[in-house]
């Protein structure tokens, strides 16, 4: 497992600390969850763009339907 050091403004760090406390998780776990969500969104966008380049409207609409299901929860 890698270690990552990041620099944040103090006020942003405090807000993240408060969020982690509110969720009853560590800041490390919060950052892991946030990075997982961001990478998932990126992977979805890349896959969608790849399918769109192939001209598959049907496959693109299927992916958009899946996104709607995820974000409507």
N, C-alpha and C. Protein backbone atom coordinates (compact mmCIF):
# COMPACT_ATOMS: atom_id res chain seq x y z
N UNK A 1 0.85 -1.17 0.00
CA UNK A 1 0.00 0.00 0.00
C UNK A 1 0.90 1.24 0.00
N UNK A 2 0.53 2.22 -0.79
CA UNK A 2 1.32 3.44 -0.92
C UNK A 2 0.89 4.48 0.10
N UNK A 3 1.80 5.37 0.39
CA UNK A 3 1.52 6.52 1.25
C UNK A 3 1.57 7.76 0.38
N UNK A 4 0.59 8.63 0.56
CA UNK A 4 0.49 9.85 -0.25
C UNK A 4 0.40 11.04 0.70
N UNK A 5 1.25 12.01 0.47
CA UNK A 5 1.19 13.25 1.23
C UNK A 5 0.60 14.33 0.34
N UNK A 6 -0.42 15.01 0.83
CA UNK A 6 -1.03 16.09 0.06
C UNK A 6 -1.00 17.37 0.88
N UNK A 7 -0.99 18.48 0.18
CA UNK A 7 -1.05 19.78 0.85
C UNK A 7 -2.42 20.38 0.59
N UNK A 8 -3.08 20.78 1.66
CA UNK A 8 -4.40 21.40 1.58
C UNK A 8 -4.40 22.66 2.43
N UNK A 9 -5.22 23.62 2.04
CA UNK A 9 -5.40 24.76 2.93
C UNK A 9 -5.99 24.28 4.26
N UNK A 10 -5.63 24.95 5.33
CA UNK A 10 -6.08 24.53 6.66
C UNK A 10 -7.59 24.43 6.75
N UNK A 11 -8.31 25.37 6.14
CA UNK A 11 -9.77 25.35 6.24
C UNK A 11 -10.36 24.13 5.52
N UNK A 12 -9.78 23.74 4.40
CA UNK A 12 -10.26 22.55 3.69
C UNK A 12 -9.95 21.29 4.49
N UNK A 13 -8.78 21.24 5.08
CA UNK A 13 -8.41 20.09 5.92
C UNK A 13 -9.40 19.96 7.09
N UNK A 14 -9.73 21.07 7.69
CA UNK A 14 -10.67 21.06 8.82
C UNK A 14 -12.05 20.57 8.37
N UNK A 15 -12.49 21.01 7.22
CA UNK A 15 -13.80 20.57 6.71
C UNK A 15 -13.79 19.08 6.43
N UNK A 16 -12.70 18.56 5.86
CA UNK A 16 -12.60 17.12 5.62
C UNK A 16 -12.55 16.35 6.93
N UNK A 17 -11.87 16.89 7.90
CA UNK A 17 -11.81 16.25 9.22
C UNK A 17 -13.20 16.18 9.83
N UNK A 18 -13.95 17.27 9.71
CA UNK A 18 -15.32 17.31 10.24
C UNK A 18 -16.22 16.31 9.50
N UNK A 19 -16.06 16.22 8.19
CA UNK A 19 -16.85 15.28 7.40
C UNK A 19 -16.56 13.84 7.82
N UNK A 20 -15.28 13.53 7.97
CA UNK A 20 -14.90 12.19 8.40
C UNK A 20 -15.47 11.89 9.79
N UNK A 21 -15.39 12.85 10.66
CA UNK A 21 -15.94 12.67 12.01
C UNK A 21 -17.45 12.44 11.94
N UNK A 22 -18.13 13.21 11.12
CA UNK A 22 -19.57 13.07 10.97
C UNK A 22 -19.94 11.67 10.45
N UNK A 23 -19.12 11.15 9.54
CA UNK A 23 -19.37 9.82 8.98
C UNK A 23 -18.81 8.71 9.87
N UNK A 24 -18.11 9.10 10.93
CA UNK A 24 -17.51 8.15 11.87
C UNK A 24 -16.48 7.25 11.19
N UNK A 25 -15.65 7.89 10.35
CA UNK A 25 -14.54 7.20 9.69
C UNK A 25 -13.30 8.07 9.80
N UNK A 26 -12.16 7.48 9.51
CA UNK A 26 -10.91 8.25 9.53
C UNK A 26 -10.81 9.11 8.27
N UNK A 27 -9.96 10.12 8.33
CA UNK A 27 -9.71 10.93 7.14
C UNK A 27 -9.12 10.04 6.04
N UNK A 28 -8.28 9.10 6.41
CA UNK A 28 -7.71 8.17 5.44
C UNK A 28 -8.81 7.41 4.71
N UNK A 29 -9.77 6.88 5.45
CA UNK A 29 -10.88 6.14 4.84
C UNK A 29 -11.73 7.07 3.97
N UNK A 30 -11.95 8.29 4.43
CA UNK A 30 -12.70 9.27 3.66
C UNK A 30 -12.01 9.53 2.31
N UNK A 31 -10.71 9.74 2.34
CA UNK A 31 -9.97 10.01 1.11
C UNK A 31 -10.00 8.79 0.19
N UNK A 32 -9.93 7.59 0.76
CA UNK A 32 -10.00 6.38 -0.03
C UNK A 32 -11.37 6.28 -0.72
N UNK A 33 -12.43 6.54 0.02
CA UNK A 33 -13.78 6.50 -0.55
C UNK A 33 -13.95 7.55 -1.65
N UNK A 34 -13.45 8.76 -1.39
CA UNK A 34 -13.58 9.83 -2.38
C UNK A 34 -12.79 9.51 -3.64
N UNK A 35 -11.60 8.96 -3.48
CA UNK A 35 -10.80 8.63 -4.66
C UNK A 35 -11.43 7.48 -5.45
N UNK A 36 -12.02 6.52 -4.76
CA UNK A 36 -12.71 5.42 -5.44
C UNK A 36 -13.88 5.94 -6.25
N UNK A 37 -14.66 6.84 -5.67
CA UNK A 37 -15.81 7.42 -6.38
C UNK A 37 -15.35 8.21 -7.60
N UNK A 38 -14.31 8.99 -7.46
CA UNK A 38 -13.80 9.79 -8.56
C UNK A 38 -13.25 8.92 -9.68
N UNK A 39 -12.50 7.88 -9.33
CA UNK A 39 -11.96 6.98 -10.35
C UNK A 39 -13.07 6.21 -11.06
N UNK A 40 -14.10 5.83 -10.34
CA UNK A 40 -15.24 5.14 -10.95
C UNK A 40 -15.93 6.05 -11.96
N UNK A 41 -16.12 7.30 -11.59
CA UNK A 41 -16.73 8.26 -12.52
C UNK A 41 -15.85 8.44 -13.76
N UNK A 42 -14.55 8.53 -13.55
CA UNK A 42 -13.62 8.70 -14.67
C UNK A 42 -13.67 7.48 -15.60
N UNK A 43 -13.60 6.28 -15.00
CA UNK A 43 -13.65 5.05 -15.80
C UNK A 43 -14.94 4.97 -16.62
N UNK A 44 -16.04 5.37 -16.02
CA UNK A 44 -17.33 5.36 -16.71
C UNK A 44 -17.31 6.33 -17.89
N UNK A 45 -16.77 7.51 -17.67
CA UNK A 45 -16.68 8.50 -18.75
C UNK A 45 -15.81 7.99 -19.89
N UNK A 46 -14.67 7.41 -19.56
CA UNK A 46 -13.76 6.88 -20.58
C UNK A 46 -14.45 5.78 -21.38
N UNK A 47 -15.14 4.89 -20.68
CA UNK A 47 -15.83 3.80 -21.38
C UNK A 47 -16.94 4.36 -22.28
N UNK A 48 -17.67 5.32 -21.76
CA UNK A 48 -18.74 5.92 -22.56
C UNK A 48 -18.18 6.59 -23.81
N UNK A 49 -17.11 7.36 -23.65
CA UNK A 49 -16.51 8.04 -24.80
C UNK A 49 -15.97 7.03 -25.82
N UNK A 50 -15.41 5.94 -25.34
CA UNK A 50 -14.91 4.90 -26.23
C UNK A 50 -16.05 4.29 -27.05
N UNK A 51 -17.15 3.99 -26.37
CA UNK A 51 -18.30 3.43 -27.08
C UNK A 51 -18.90 4.46 -28.03
N UNK A 52 -18.93 5.72 -27.61
CA UNK A 52 -19.48 6.77 -28.46
C UNK A 52 -18.67 6.91 -29.75
N UNK A 53 -17.36 6.78 -29.66
CA UNK A 53 -16.51 6.86 -30.85
C UNK A 53 -16.81 5.74 -31.83
N UNK A 54 -17.24 4.61 -31.31
CA UNK A 54 -17.58 3.48 -32.17
C UNK A 54 -18.96 3.66 -32.79
N UNK A 55 -19.69 4.67 -32.33
CA UNK A 55 -20.99 4.96 -32.90
C UNK A 55 -22.11 4.07 -32.40
N UNK A 56 -21.93 3.45 -31.24
CA UNK A 56 -22.96 2.57 -30.70
C UNK A 56 -23.89 3.36 -29.79
N UNK A 57 -24.92 3.90 -30.36
CA UNK A 57 -25.90 4.68 -29.60
C UNK A 57 -26.56 3.78 -28.55
N UNK A 58 -26.89 2.56 -28.93
CA UNK A 58 -27.56 1.63 -28.02
C UNK A 58 -26.72 1.38 -26.77
N UNK A 59 -25.43 1.10 -26.93
CA UNK A 59 -24.55 0.86 -25.78
C UNK A 59 -24.39 2.12 -24.93
N UNK A 60 -24.31 3.25 -25.58
CA UNK A 60 -24.20 4.52 -24.85
C UNK A 60 -25.43 4.77 -23.99
N UNK A 61 -26.60 4.50 -24.53
CA UNK A 61 -27.83 4.69 -23.77
C UNK A 61 -27.93 3.72 -22.60
N UNK A 62 -27.41 2.52 -22.78
CA UNK A 62 -27.39 1.54 -21.68
C UNK A 62 -26.53 2.07 -20.54
N UNK A 63 -25.36 2.61 -20.87
CA UNK A 63 -24.48 3.16 -19.83
C UNK A 63 -25.14 4.35 -19.15
N UNK A 64 -25.76 5.24 -19.92
CA UNK A 64 -26.45 6.38 -19.32
C UNK A 64 -27.56 5.91 -18.39
N UNK A 65 -28.25 4.84 -18.75
CA UNK A 65 -29.28 4.29 -17.89
C UNK A 65 -28.70 3.79 -16.57
N UNK A 66 -27.54 3.17 -16.64
CA UNK A 66 -26.88 2.70 -15.42
C UNK A 66 -26.47 3.88 -14.55
N UNK A 67 -25.97 4.94 -15.17
CA UNK A 67 -25.60 6.15 -14.40
C UNK A 67 -26.82 6.75 -13.72
N UNK A 68 -27.94 6.78 -14.42
CA UNK A 68 -29.17 7.30 -13.83
C UNK A 68 -29.55 6.50 -12.60
N UNK A 69 -29.41 5.17 -12.68
CA UNK A 69 -29.74 4.33 -11.54
C UNK A 69 -28.82 4.62 -10.35
N UNK A 70 -27.54 4.79 -10.62
CA UNK A 70 -26.58 5.05 -9.54
C UNK A 70 -26.83 6.40 -8.88
N UNK A 71 -27.04 7.42 -9.68
CA UNK A 71 -27.16 8.77 -9.14
C UNK A 71 -28.56 9.13 -8.68
N UNK A 72 -29.53 8.27 -8.92
CA UNK A 72 -30.88 8.56 -8.43
C UNK A 72 -31.13 8.00 -7.03
N UNK A 73 -30.14 7.30 -6.50
CA UNK A 73 -30.27 6.71 -5.15
C UNK A 73 -30.06 7.74 -4.10
